[in-house]
Amino acid sequence: MFLVEGGHRLSGTIAPAGNKNAALPILAATLLTDEPVTLRNLPRIGDVEVLLALLASLGVEIVEHGPREVTVRARDITTTALDPRLCRQIRASILLAGPMVSRCGRVQLAPPGGDSIGRRRVDTHFLALQALGATVEVNGAFEVRAPELRAADLFLDEASVTATENAVMAAVRASGRTTIANAASEPHVQDLCHFLNGLGARIGGVGTNTLTIDGVERLHGGAYTIGPDHIEVGSFIGLAAATRGEITIRDAVPEHLKMIALVFRRLGIAVEVRGRDIFVPGDQELVVQDDLQGAIPKIDDGPWPAFPADLTSIAVVVATQARGTVLIFEKMFESRFFFVDKLVQMGARIVLCDPHRVVVAGPSPLHGETLSSPDIRAGMALLTAALAARGTSEMHNVEQIDRGYERLDERLQALGARIERVGGQVFAGIAVPG
């Protein structure tokens, strides 16, 4: 639980953790080689800890060198049946399908867990694996078999990030050339491809929507530094604006933030690029920028390089503190906005039009409330609201936030946030002292 005293402006410098959505597939991809792989800037968050536990349950050797550096060696894989308890804790468990089938010829995994933000299809993953020569049986669990994977021309039925990653991991050791069209191209997909190329894979078209993969017989070991999390950077920008704070975000990779900065500008947020850093000036007057002829503007999400779906919750909270009216349209998940009732309780003026759209009219003074984090991103949004509000908020189910943000309370305390953790962290069922 967090106890949060709001109404204080944040100030100082903060650095983003490693990209959560790059770390997870990269960890899964270590199964593709029997040689050691060292990963640096690994975010120590709940989802990463669960995936490390999954790897360990397969017989993978894991050596920790520090808080954010590990060496992983899948010298021998002792089972092809994934622990269903761990699979149900995270969505990313499905990322083990591609590398396990490539390495072992088969895998059995329970339906993945993760955030309850609506239906999250897994069809694209298995359609891609089938195109590469695998057979898939569904009987409570997923049973995937492929004595040999073969190259194929794939056109994904949706530009799914994790399905693209699974297809890439399955194809890197398949004989021949695989083409993946309608591929996702987010920074974390690029990170995975760069990592695999560093191990000897031959992946072309990185950063585009068409990937070409020339299969290789084997991959070798190596070392890789995971890039910063642009979603966390966007979260900190929104947090600074909502609290009228002044913060510098170090090593923020500004080239990944162009659409994020453009969309936040519609809510009146100005940011400055200072080399590799992002500076958010303090005490900004947030004013929604109307469309031409005074029309109510719309903020919506989409595949890269569009505005990320994971930041729409943050945008809703920032909009409650901006003068004007805005429509926010989250297209991907039909339960993403079901947290806004908590914002309304805090004093926000929001109309939930349907599961995908909200109209926000601001600014609204927020007050402290008893809150509960339903998922990673809504949890961060509600914490932002609590820090911007007057009074004290009591926030429960914060392990959802811990799944995606590394020791967030400690890092925000360094910026002047009045936030206290009651109890420790729990990762993969293991308590971690707070």
Protein backbone atom coordinates (compact mmCIF):
# COMPACT_ATOMS: atom_id res chain seq x y z
CA MET A 1 0.00 0.00 0.00
CA PHE A 2 1.08 3.60 -0.66
CA LEU A 3 0.16 6.54 1.55
CA VAL A 4 0.39 9.62 -0.66
CA GLU A 5 0.24 13.24 0.48
CA GLY A 6 -0.54 15.26 -2.63
CA GLY A 7 -0.26 18.89 -3.58
CA HIS A 8 3.55 19.13 -3.61
CA ARG A 9 5.52 20.14 -6.68
CA LEU A 10 8.17 17.67 -7.72
CA SER A 11 11.65 18.82 -8.68
CA GLY A 12 14.99 17.27 -9.47
CA THR A 13 16.52 14.72 -11.81
CA ILE A 14 15.42 11.17 -12.53
CA ALA A 15 16.61 8.48 -14.93
CA PRO A 16 14.29 5.98 -16.63
CA ALA A 17 14.76 2.29 -15.95
CA GLY A 18 15.42 -0.21 -18.72
CA ASN A 19 12.54 -0.78 -21.12
CA LYS A 20 10.16 -3.30 -19.56
CA ASN A 21 8.78 -4.39 -22.92
CA ALA A 22 12.29 -4.93 -24.32
CA ALA A 23 13.63 -6.75 -21.26
CA LEU A 24 10.92 -9.41 -21.33
CA PRO A 25 11.37 -10.68 -24.92
CA ILE A 26 15.17 -10.35 -24.62
CA LEU A 27 15.11 -12.58 -21.54
CA ALA A 28 12.94 -15.07 -23.44
CA ALA A 29 15.36 -14.96 -26.37
CA THR A 30 18.27 -16.12 -24.19
CA LEU A 31 16.76 -19.60 -24.59
CA LEU A 32 17.90 -19.59 -28.23
CA THR A 33 21.57 -20.16 -27.31
CA ASP A 34 23.33 -22.49 -24.90
CA GLU A 35 26.06 -19.91 -24.31
CA PRO A 36 26.05 -17.25 -21.56
CA VAL A 37 24.31 -13.93 -22.21
CA THR A 38 24.88 -10.91 -19.98
CA LEU A 39 22.12 -8.29 -19.80
CA ARG A 40 22.68 -4.82 -18.40
CA ASN A 41 20.15 -2.15 -17.39
CA LEU A 42 17.62 -4.88 -16.65
CA PRO A 43 14.67 -3.28 -14.83
CA ARG A 44 14.01 -5.02 -11.51
CA ILE A 45 10.26 -5.02 -11.70
CA GLY A 46 7.63 -7.60 -10.95
CA ASP A 47 7.17 -8.87 -14.52
CA VAL A 48 10.92 -9.32 -14.98
CA GLU A 49 11.22 -11.20 -11.69
CA VAL A 50 8.42 -13.58 -12.71
CA LEU A 51 10.02 -14.23 -16.10
CA LEU A 52 13.37 -14.90 -14.42
CA ALA A 53 11.56 -17.37 -12.17
CA LEU A 54 10.06 -19.03 -15.27
CA LEU A 55 13.50 -19.35 -16.85
CA ALA A 56 14.92 -20.81 -13.64
CA SER A 57 12.07 -23.36 -13.56
CA LEU A 58 13.25 -24.55 -17.00
CA GLY A 59 16.75 -25.24 -15.67
CA VAL A 60 18.31 -21.98 -16.88
CA GLU A 61 21.32 -20.75 -14.89
CA ILE A 62 20.98 -17.15 -13.67
CA VAL A 63 23.84 -15.26 -12.03
CA GLU A 64 23.27 -11.75 -10.67
CA HIS A 65 26.18 -9.29 -10.82
CA GLY A 66 24.35 -6.30 -9.39
CA PRO A 67 20.88 -4.83 -9.09
CA ARG A 68 20.44 -4.46 -12.88
CA GLU A 69 22.91 -6.90 -14.44
CA VAL A 70 22.49 -10.65 -14.84
CA THR A 71 24.10 -13.43 -16.82
CA VAL A 72 21.68 -16.02 -18.18
CA ARG A 73 22.79 -19.39 -19.57
CA ALA A 74 20.33 -21.90 -21.00
CA ARG A 75 22.94 -24.65 -21.13
CA ASP A 76 20.32 -27.34 -20.62
CA ILE A 77 16.55 -27.00 -20.69
CA THR A 78 15.13 -29.59 -18.33
CA THR A 79 11.42 -29.37 -19.17
CA THR A 80 9.18 -28.11 -21.95
CA ALA A 81 6.15 -27.61 -19.68
CA LEU A 82 6.03 -24.09 -18.26
CA ASP A 83 4.89 -23.56 -14.68
CA PRO A 84 1.19 -22.62 -15.02
CA ARG A 85 1.21 -20.62 -11.77
CA LEU A 86 3.93 -18.35 -13.10
CA CYS A 87 2.43 -18.18 -16.60
CA ARG A 88 -0.81 -16.83 -15.18
CA GLN A 89 0.98 -13.97 -13.42
CA ILE A 90 2.27 -12.20 -16.53
CA ARG A 91 1.26 -11.63 -20.12
CA ALA A 92 4.90 -12.04 -21.20
CA SER A 93 4.92 -15.78 -20.46
CA ILE A 94 3.65 -16.27 -24.01
CA LEU A 95 6.97 -14.88 -25.29
CA LEU A 96 8.56 -18.21 -24.36
CA ALA A 97 6.56 -20.03 -27.05
CA GLY A 98 8.74 -19.02 -30.02
CA PRO A 99 12.17 -19.65 -28.48
CA MET A 100 11.08 -22.89 -26.76
CA VAL A 101 9.71 -24.34 -30.00
CA SER A 102 12.86 -23.25 -31.83
CA ARG A 103 15.19 -24.71 -29.20
CA CYS A 104 13.29 -27.80 -28.02
CA GLY A 105 10.73 -28.51 -30.73
CA ARG A 106 7.81 -28.21 -28.35
CA VAL A 107 6.33 -26.25 -25.45
CA GLN A 108 3.31 -26.50 -23.19
CA LEU A 109 2.11 -23.29 -21.58
CA ALA A 110 -0.95 -22.13 -19.69
CA PRO A 111 -2.92 -19.12 -20.96
CA PRO A 112 -0.92 -16.00 -20.06
CA GLY A 113 -2.03 -13.58 -17.35
CA GLY A 114 -1.25 -9.88 -17.06
CA ASP A 115 -3.32 -6.72 -16.91
CA SER A 116 -7.12 -6.98 -16.96
CA ILE A 117 -7.67 -4.32 -19.61
CA GLY A 118 -9.94 -6.27 -21.94
CA ARG A 119 -9.58 -9.18 -24.30
CA ARG A 120 -6.00 -9.68 -25.44
CA ARG A 121 -5.81 -12.03 -28.42
CA VAL A 122 -3.12 -14.66 -28.68
CA ASP A 123 -4.28 -15.92 -32.09
CA THR A 124 -1.64 -13.96 -34.01
CA HIS A 125 1.16 -15.69 -32.08
CA PHE A 126 0.01 -19.16 -32.97
CA LEU A 127 -0.94 -18.34 -36.55
CA ALA A 128 2.63 -17.14 -37.05
CA LEU A 129 4.10 -20.27 -35.46
CA GLN A 130 1.84 -22.46 -37.59
CA ALA A 131 3.03 -20.67 -40.73
CA LEU A 132 6.58 -21.54 -39.68
CA GLY A 133 5.68 -25.22 -39.45
CA ALA A 134 4.37 -25.70 -35.91
CA THR A 135 1.22 -27.48 -34.85
CA VAL A 136 -0.91 -26.01 -32.08
CA GLU A 137 -3.35 -27.85 -29.81
CA VAL A 138 -5.58 -26.02 -27.36
CA ASN A 139 -6.92 -28.01 -24.43
CA GLY A 140 -6.92 -25.71 -21.43
CA ALA A 141 -3.21 -25.16 -22.06
CA PHE A 142 -1.44 -24.51 -25.37
CA GLU A 143 0.63 -27.36 -26.76
CA VAL A 144 2.93 -26.29 -29.60
CA ARG A 145 5.12 -28.76 -31.51
CA ALA A 146 7.55 -28.29 -34.37
CA PRO A 147 10.32 -30.87 -34.91
CA GLU A 148 11.68 -28.44 -37.50
CA LEU A 149 10.79 -24.84 -38.22
CA ARG A 150 10.92 -23.61 -41.81
CA ALA A 151 11.03 -20.14 -43.28
CA ALA A 152 7.83 -18.54 -44.52
CA ASP A 153 6.32 -15.32 -45.83
CA LEU A 154 4.16 -14.03 -42.98
CA PHE A 155 1.56 -11.30 -43.00
CA LEU A 156 0.40 -10.75 -39.44
CA ASP A 157 -3.34 -10.20 -39.03
CA GLU A 158 -2.52 -7.40 -36.56
CA ALA A 159 0.64 -5.45 -35.86
CA SER A 160 1.00 -7.12 -32.48
CA VAL A 161 4.21 -6.34 -30.60
CA THR A 162 4.51 -9.64 -28.78
CA ALA A 163 3.37 -11.72 -31.76
CA THR A 164 6.02 -10.01 -33.91
CA GLU A 165 8.61 -10.83 -31.24
CA ASN A 166 7.50 -14.46 -31.03
CA ALA A 167 7.65 -14.80 -34.82
CA VAL A 168 11.13 -13.23 -34.92
CA MET A 169 12.45 -15.52 -32.18
CA ALA A 170 11.03 -18.60 -33.89
CA ALA A 171 12.39 -17.60 -37.30
CA VAL A 172 16.01 -16.72 -36.45
CA ARG A 173 17.04 -20.41 -36.46
CA ALA A 174 14.59 -21.62 -39.12
CA SER A 175 16.18 -22.61 -42.41
CA GLY A 176 15.72 -20.12 -45.26
CA ARG A 177 14.49 -16.53 -45.40
CA THR A 178 11.40 -15.46 -43.45
CA THR A 179 9.58 -12.24 -44.24
CA ILE A 180 7.25 -10.73 -41.61
CA ALA A 181 4.94 -8.07 -43.03
CA ASN A 182 2.64 -5.87 -40.93
CA ALA A 183 5.22 -6.30 -38.19
CA ALA A 184 5.26 -4.10 -35.12
CA SER A 185 8.20 -1.68 -35.02
CA GLU A 186 8.11 -0.19 -31.51
CA PRO A 187 11.46 0.64 -29.83
CA HIS A 188 11.27 -2.55 -27.77
CA VAL A 189 10.83 -4.67 -30.92
CA GLN A 190 13.89 -2.92 -32.35
CA ASP A 191 15.80 -3.63 -29.12
CA LEU A 192 15.03 -7.36 -29.41
CA CYS A 193 16.19 -7.44 -33.04
CA HIS A 194 19.43 -5.59 -32.25
CA PHE A 195 20.06 -8.00 -29.37
CA LEU A 196 19.54 -11.06 -31.58
CA ASN A 197 21.74 -9.63 -34.33
CA GLY A 198 24.44 -9.22 -31.69
CA LEU A 199 24.19 -12.98 -31.03
CA GLY A 200 24.63 -13.82 -34.72
CA ALA A 201 21.08 -13.55 -36.08
CA ARG A 202 20.52 -11.94 -39.49
CA ILE A 203 17.50 -9.66 -39.20
CA GLY A 204 16.94 -6.85 -41.69
CA GLY A 205 14.39 -4.06 -41.86
CA VAL A 206 14.67 -3.29 -38.14
CA GLY A 207 12.50 -0.28 -37.32
CA THR A 208 10.18 -0.86 -40.29
CA ASN A 209 6.96 -2.83 -40.70
CA THR A 210 8.61 -5.50 -42.87
CA LEU A 211 11.31 -7.69 -41.34
CA THR A 212 13.49 -10.14 -43.23
CA ILE A 213 15.17 -12.93 -41.31
CA ASP A 214 17.78 -15.24 -42.79
CA GLY A 215 17.88 -18.26 -40.54
CA VAL A 216 21.17 -19.31 -38.95
CA GLU A 217 22.19 -22.68 -37.57
CA ARG A 218 23.00 -21.42 -34.10
CA LEU A 219 23.37 -18.29 -31.99
CA HIS A 220 26.32 -17.52 -29.73
CA GLY A 221 26.47 -15.74 -26.39
CA GLY A 222 27.14 -12.08 -25.81
CA ALA A 223 26.26 -8.98 -23.81
CA TYR A 224 23.62 -6.33 -24.34
CA THR A 225 22.46 -3.14 -22.64
CA ILE A 226 18.69 -2.67 -22.64
CA GLY A 227 17.54 0.77 -23.73
CA PRO A 228 15.55 3.21 -21.55
CA ASP A 229 11.79 2.84 -21.22
CA HIS A 230 10.06 5.54 -23.28
CA ILE A 231 6.74 4.73 -21.55
CA GLU A 232 8.34 5.51 -18.20
CA VAL A 233 9.75 8.74 -19.64
CA GLY A 234 6.26 9.70 -20.85
CA SER A 235 4.86 8.86 -17.42
CA PHE A 236 7.39 11.17 -15.74
CA ILE A 237 6.59 14.00 -18.16
CA GLY A 238 2.89 13.67 -17.30
CA LEU A 239 3.64 13.46 -13.59
CA ALA A 240 5.78 16.61 -13.69
CA ALA A 241 3.09 18.54 -15.58
CA ALA A 242 0.22 17.40 -13.34
CA THR A 243 2.09 18.42 -10.16
CA ARG A 244 3.45 21.65 -11.74
CA GLY A 245 6.90 20.24 -11.06
CA GLU A 246 10.23 20.89 -12.75
CA ILE A 247 12.23 17.78 -13.53
CA THR A 248 15.03 16.61 -15.79
CA ILE A 249 14.82 13.09 -17.21
CA ARG A 250 18.32 11.84 -17.99
CA ASP A 251 19.21 9.63 -20.98
CA ALA A 252 15.65 9.73 -22.25
CA VAL A 253 16.37 8.89 -25.95
CA PRO A 254 14.50 11.92 -27.37
CA GLU A 255 14.12 10.31 -30.81
CA HIS A 256 11.59 7.90 -29.28
CA LEU A 257 9.52 10.74 -27.83
CA LYS A 258 8.51 12.80 -30.85
CA MET A 259 4.85 11.72 -30.96
CA ILE A 260 4.60 11.66 -27.17
CA ALA A 261 5.84 15.26 -27.00
CA LEU A 262 3.52 16.30 -29.84
CA VAL A 263 0.43 14.84 -28.15
CA PHE A 264 1.34 16.22 -24.72
CA ARG A 265 1.71 19.62 -26.38
CA ARG A 266 -2.03 19.46 -27.15
CA LEU A 267 -2.56 19.39 -23.39
CA GLY A 268 -0.28 22.40 -22.93
CA ILE A 269 2.85 20.55 -21.83
CA ALA A 270 6.12 22.02 -23.07
CA VAL A 271 9.32 19.98 -22.91
CA GLU A 272 12.87 20.87 -23.88
CA VAL A 273 15.38 18.48 -25.41
CA ARG A 274 18.81 19.00 -23.86
CA GLY A 275 21.14 16.59 -25.59
CA ARG A 276 20.01 13.14 -24.47
CA ASP A 277 17.93 14.59 -21.63
CA ILE A 278 14.37 15.89 -21.43
CA PHE A 279 13.62 18.95 -19.30
CA VAL A 280 10.06 19.66 -18.12
CA PRO A 281 9.76 23.31 -16.97
CA GLY A 282 7.96 23.94 -13.71
CA ASP A 283 4.65 25.63 -13.00
CA GLN A 284 3.31 25.26 -16.54
CA GLU A 285 -0.17 26.57 -17.26
CA LEU A 286 -1.84 23.63 -18.97
CA VAL A 287 -4.27 24.69 -21.70
CA VAL A 288 -5.82 22.27 -24.19
CA GLN A 289 -5.05 23.30 -27.77
CA ASP A 290 -8.32 23.29 -29.71
CA ASP A 291 -8.39 22.07 -33.30
CA LEU A 292 -9.01 24.55 -36.11
CA GLN A 293 -12.19 26.63 -35.77
CA GLY A 294 -12.38 25.82 -32.06
CA ALA A 295 -13.21 22.13 -32.47
CA ILE A 296 -12.66 19.83 -29.48
CA PRO A 297 -9.37 18.02 -30.07
CA LYS A 298 -8.90 14.26 -29.98
CA ILE A 299 -6.02 12.26 -28.59
CA ASP A 300 -5.85 8.69 -29.80
CA ASP A 301 -3.36 5.84 -29.79
CA GLY A 302 -2.07 3.45 -32.43
CA PRO A 303 0.87 1.28 -33.49
CA TRP A 304 4.31 2.87 -33.53
CA PRO A 305 5.09 5.66 -34.28
CA ALA A 306 1.63 6.76 -33.08
CA PHE A 307 0.91 7.72 -29.46
CA PRO A 308 1.40 4.62 -27.25
CA ALA A 309 -1.70 2.99 -25.78
CA ASP A 310 0.20 2.62 -22.49
CA LEU A 311 0.22 6.41 -22.04
CA THR A 312 -3.47 7.10 -22.62
CA SER A 313 -4.21 6.65 -18.90
CA ILE A 314 -1.57 9.26 -18.07
CA ALA A 315 -3.04 11.60 -20.69
CA VAL A 316 -6.46 11.35 -19.00
CA VAL A 317 -5.03 12.49 -15.66
CA VAL A 318 -3.05 15.35 -17.20
CA ALA A 319 -6.20 16.47 -19.05
CA THR A 320 -8.04 16.82 -15.71
CA GLN A 321 -5.51 19.55 -14.83
CA ALA A 322 -5.62 21.38 -18.18
CA ARG A 323 -8.03 24.17 -19.10
CA GLY A 324 -10.32 23.03 -21.88
CA THR A 325 -12.05 19.91 -23.17
CA VAL A 326 -10.49 16.93 -24.95
CA LEU A 327 -11.67 13.56 -26.26
CA ILE A 328 -9.30 10.67 -25.52
CA PHE A 329 -9.84 7.58 -27.66
CA GLU A 330 -8.08 4.36 -26.60
CA LYS A 331 -8.61 1.94 -29.48
CA MET A 332 -6.94 -1.24 -28.32
CA PHE A 333 -8.37 -2.41 -24.99
CA GLU A 334 -12.00 -2.19 -23.96
CA SER A 335 -11.28 -2.08 -20.21
CA ARG A 336 -8.40 0.41 -20.16
CA PHE A 337 -10.58 3.31 -18.98
CA PHE A 338 -12.50 1.54 -16.26
CA PHE A 339 -10.34 3.30 -13.67
CA VAL A 340 -11.77 6.75 -14.43
CA ASP A 341 -14.54 6.34 -11.86
CA LYS A 342 -11.81 6.78 -9.24
CA LEU A 343 -10.79 10.06 -10.87
CA VAL A 344 -14.42 11.21 -10.79
CA GLN A 345 -14.51 10.41 -7.06
CA MET A 346 -11.43 12.61 -6.69
CA GLY A 347 -13.26 15.53 -8.33
CA ALA A 348 -12.42 15.11 -12.02
CA ARG A 349 -15.01 16.01 -14.66
CA ILE A 350 -14.97 13.05 -17.02
CA VAL A 351 -17.64 11.47 -19.20
CA LEU A 352 -17.03 7.81 -20.00
CA CYS A 353 -18.67 7.65 -23.42
CA ASP A 354 -18.04 3.93 -23.97
CA PRO A 355 -15.26 1.46 -23.08
CA HIS A 356 -12.85 3.20 -25.46
CA ARG A 357 -13.58 6.93 -25.20
CA VAL A 358 -13.64 9.57 -22.47
CA VAL A 359 -14.31 13.30 -22.61
CA VAL A 360 -12.32 15.28 -20.03
CA ALA A 361 -13.14 18.88 -19.08
CA GLY A 362 -10.65 20.71 -16.90
CA PRO A 363 -9.09 21.96 -14.86
CA SER A 364 -10.54 20.19 -11.83
CA PRO A 365 -9.11 20.43 -8.32
CA LEU A 366 -8.57 16.86 -7.14
CA HIS A 367 -8.76 15.65 -3.55
CA GLY A 368 -7.34 12.60 -1.82
CA GLU A 369 -9.25 9.31 -1.91
CA THR A 370 -8.91 5.61 -1.20
CA LEU A 371 -7.72 4.07 -4.45
CA SER A 372 -6.79 0.68 -5.88
CA SER A 373 -4.49 0.02 -8.81
CA PRO A 374 -6.27 -2.20 -11.38
CA ASP A 375 -3.29 -2.56 -13.74
CA ILE A 376 0.21 -1.18 -14.32
CA ARG A 377 -0.67 1.92 -16.35
CA ALA A 378 -3.89 2.83 -14.57
CA GLY A 379 -1.96 2.44 -11.32
CA MET A 380 0.65 4.95 -12.48
CA ALA A 381 -2.13 7.30 -13.61
CA LEU A 382 -3.92 7.11 -10.27
CA LEU A 383 -0.65 7.69 -8.42
CA THR A 384 -0.10 10.78 -10.59
CA ALA A 385 -3.58 11.99 -9.66
CA ALA A 386 -2.92 11.35 -5.97
CA LEU A 387 0.33 13.36 -6.11
CA ALA A 388 -1.49 16.22 -7.85
CA ALA A 389 -4.44 16.17 -5.43
CA ARG A 390 -4.93 18.04 -2.18
CA GLY A 391 -4.94 15.84 0.87
CA THR A 392 -3.92 12.24 1.48
CA SER A 393 -4.71 9.22 -0.66
CA GLU A 394 -4.48 5.60 0.38
CA MET A 395 -3.50 3.43 -2.58
CA HIS A 396 -3.93 -0.34 -2.54
CA ASN A 397 -2.88 -3.17 -4.88
CA VAL A 398 0.37 -1.32 -5.65
CA GLU A 399 2.03 -4.58 -6.68
CA GLN A 400 0.43 -3.83 -10.04
CA ILE A 401 2.58 -0.69 -10.27
CA ASP A 402 5.63 -2.66 -9.08
CA ARG A 403 5.14 -4.99 -12.05
CA GLY A 404 6.10 -2.20 -14.45
CA TYR A 405 7.91 0.57 -12.50
CA GLU A 406 11.08 -0.12 -10.55
CA ARG A 407 10.92 1.00 -6.89
CA LEU A 408 8.84 3.95 -7.95
CA ASP A 409 8.17 5.21 -4.45
CA GLU A 410 11.88 5.57 -3.65
CA ARG A 411 12.67 7.31 -6.95
CA LEU A 412 9.79 9.76 -6.59
CA GLN A 413 10.72 10.51 -2.97
CA ALA A 414 14.04 11.80 -4.35
CA LEU A 415 11.98 14.34 -6.35
CA GLY A 416 10.15 15.50 -3.23
CA ALA A 417 7.08 13.29 -3.46
CA ARG A 418 5.39 12.56 -0.13
CA ILE A 419 4.83 8.84 -0.61
CA GLU A 420 5.23 6.05 1.91
CA ARG A 421 5.14 2.32 1.22
CA VAL A 422 3.39 0.25 3.87
CA GLY A 423 4.61 -3.34 3.56
CA GLY A 424 7.17 -4.75 1.14
CA GLN A 425 7.18 -5.73 -2.50
CA VAL A 426 6.07 -9.14 -3.69
CA PHE A 427 7.51 -10.58 -6.89
CA ALA A 428 6.56 -14.05 -8.19
CA GLY A 429 5.12 -14.83 -4.77
CA ILE A 430 8.40 -13.90 -3.05
CA ALA A 431 8.37 -10.97 -0.62
CA VAL A 432 11.06 -8.35 -1.22
CA PRO A 433 11.78 -6.04 1.73
CA GLY A 434 10.55 -2.48 1.18
